[in-house]
Amino acid sequence: MKVIYHIDESEKWNMVLDNVTNMLNYGAENNTAFEIEIVANGIAVTGLFRQEAKEANRYARMEELHTKKVIFAVCNNALKKFAAQNTVLCPFATVVPAGVVELAKKQEEGYSYIKP
């Protein structure tokens, strides 16, 4: 099953990570494979800034999810808006040209859309 999570509010990062963890746990218990991508746009891109993720005690959780093949996609338009350089991102984050385009593209490819 292919799933795309959309986050655009910083305060929802823990909820998104919990949802993804719960989904992967369900998959492990029920022999169900998931392809999961989390797309961050708007202010939520700052949650993938390395320092912010570490200070919020989310970095290790994100890194662990990445080892389970969860993709963390960051909207380049939002990065530009916040004048951020890619070097401040978590090393496992992938920059996409536009978050909304990534969401539409993945839905067209059959991904289920979830926005906590």
Protein backbone atom coordinates (compact mmCIF):
# COMPACT_ATOMS: atom_id res chain seq x y z
CA MET A 1 0.00 0.00 0.00
CA LYS A 2 1.32 3.42 -0.95
CA VAL A 3 0.63 6.34 1.41
CA ILE A 4 1.56 10.00 1.34
CA TYR A 5 1.35 12.09 4.49
CA HIS A 6 1.06 15.87 4.16
CA ILE A 7 2.27 18.17 6.91
CA ASP A 8 2.14 21.95 6.76
CA GLU A 9 1.87 22.77 10.47
CA SER A 10 4.96 22.43 12.68
CA GLU A 11 2.99 21.45 15.76
CA LYS A 12 1.74 18.30 14.00
CA TRP A 13 5.15 16.65 13.50
CA ASN A 14 4.79 14.32 16.49
CA MET A 15 1.32 13.27 15.33
CA VAL A 16 2.60 12.51 11.83
CA LEU A 17 5.53 10.51 13.18
CA ASP A 18 3.18 8.60 15.51
CA ASN A 19 0.80 7.86 12.62
CA VAL A 20 3.61 6.59 10.42
CA THR A 21 5.06 4.47 13.24
CA ASN A 22 1.64 2.99 13.97
CA MET A 23 1.13 2.21 10.28
CA LEU A 24 4.50 0.48 10.01
CA ASN A 25 3.81 -1.48 13.21
CA TYR A 26 0.46 -2.58 11.79
CA GLY A 27 2.20 -3.61 8.60
CA ALA A 28 4.76 -5.67 10.49
CA GLU A 29 2.07 -7.40 12.56
CA ASN A 30 -0.22 -8.06 9.59
CA ASN A 31 2.30 -8.83 6.85
CA THR A 32 1.35 -5.67 4.95
CA ALA A 33 3.99 -3.67 3.09
CA PHE A 34 3.80 0.10 2.99
CA GLU A 35 5.54 2.69 0.83
CA ILE A 36 5.37 5.89 2.85
CA GLU A 37 6.36 9.43 1.96
CA ILE A 38 5.95 12.46 4.20
CA VAL A 39 5.73 15.77 2.33
CA ALA A 40 6.45 18.90 4.34
CA ASN A 41 5.56 22.32 3.02
CA GLY A 42 4.78 25.70 4.54
CA ILE A 43 6.20 26.33 7.99
CA ALA A 44 6.44 22.55 8.60
CA VAL A 45 9.64 22.41 6.51
CA THR A 46 11.44 23.84 9.53
CA GLY A 47 10.73 20.54 11.31
CA LEU A 48 13.26 18.96 8.97
CA PHE A 49 15.97 21.46 9.80
CA ARG A 50 18.60 19.35 11.52
CA GLN A 51 18.96 21.56 14.59
CA GLU A 52 15.20 21.96 15.11
CA ALA A 53 14.60 18.22 14.77
CA LYS A 54 17.30 17.53 17.36
CA GLU A 55 16.07 20.21 19.78
CA ALA A 56 12.50 18.86 19.52
CA ASN A 57 13.77 15.31 20.19
CA ARG A 58 12.44 14.10 16.82
CA TYR A 59 15.66 13.57 14.93
CA ALA A 60 16.27 9.99 16.13
CA ARG A 61 12.67 9.00 15.39
CA MET A 62 12.87 10.47 11.91
CA GLU A 63 16.19 8.79 11.25
CA GLU A 64 14.78 5.44 12.40
CA LEU A 65 11.76 5.84 10.11
CA HIS A 66 14.12 6.66 7.26
CA THR A 67 15.93 3.36 7.87
CA LYS A 68 12.51 1.74 7.37
CA LYS A 69 12.37 3.40 3.93
CA VAL A 70 10.08 6.31 4.86
CA ILE A 71 10.80 9.24 2.54
CA PHE A 72 10.93 12.75 3.98
CA ALA A 73 10.25 15.22 1.16
CA VAL A 74 10.74 18.96 1.63
CA CYS A 75 9.16 21.64 -0.55
CA ASN A 76 11.82 23.80 -2.19
CA ASN A 77 9.40 26.71 -2.49
CA ALA A 78 8.93 26.72 1.28
CA LEU A 79 12.69 26.47 1.80
CA LYS A 80 13.12 29.58 -0.34
CA LYS A 81 10.41 31.37 1.62
CA PHE A 82 12.23 30.70 4.87
CA ALA A 83 15.60 31.53 3.26
CA ALA A 84 16.97 28.15 4.26
CA GLN A 85 19.91 26.43 2.65
CA ASN A 86 19.77 22.70 2.02
CA THR A 87 22.76 22.28 4.33
CA VAL A 88 20.56 22.88 7.38
CA LEU A 89 18.28 19.98 6.49
CA CYS A 90 18.41 16.56 8.07
CA PRO A 91 20.65 14.44 5.82
CA PHE A 92 17.81 12.01 5.08
CA ALA A 93 15.50 14.76 3.76
CA THR A 94 14.91 15.01 0.02
CA VAL A 95 14.10 18.35 -1.59
CA VAL A 96 11.27 18.35 -4.14
CA PRO A 97 10.57 21.36 -6.40
CA ALA A 98 7.06 21.98 -5.05
CA GLY A 99 5.26 20.19 -2.23
CA VAL A 100 1.81 20.55 -3.79
CA VAL A 101 3.05 19.13 -7.08
CA GLU A 102 4.65 16.19 -5.23
CA LEU A 103 1.34 15.52 -3.47
CA ALA A 104 -0.63 15.61 -6.71
CA LYS A 105 1.92 13.45 -8.52
CA LYS A 106 1.90 10.79 -5.81
CA GLN A 107 -1.89 10.71 -5.69
CA GLU A 108 -1.91 10.24 -9.45
CA GLU A 109 0.48 7.29 -8.90
CA GLY A 110 -2.05 5.69 -6.54
CA TYR A 111 -0.83 6.92 -3.16
CA SER A 112 -3.47 7.40 -0.48
CA TYR A 113 -3.43 10.94 0.94
CA ILE A 114 -3.40 11.51 4.70
CA LYS A 115 -3.26 14.88 6.42
CA PRO A 116 -3.30 14.61 10.21
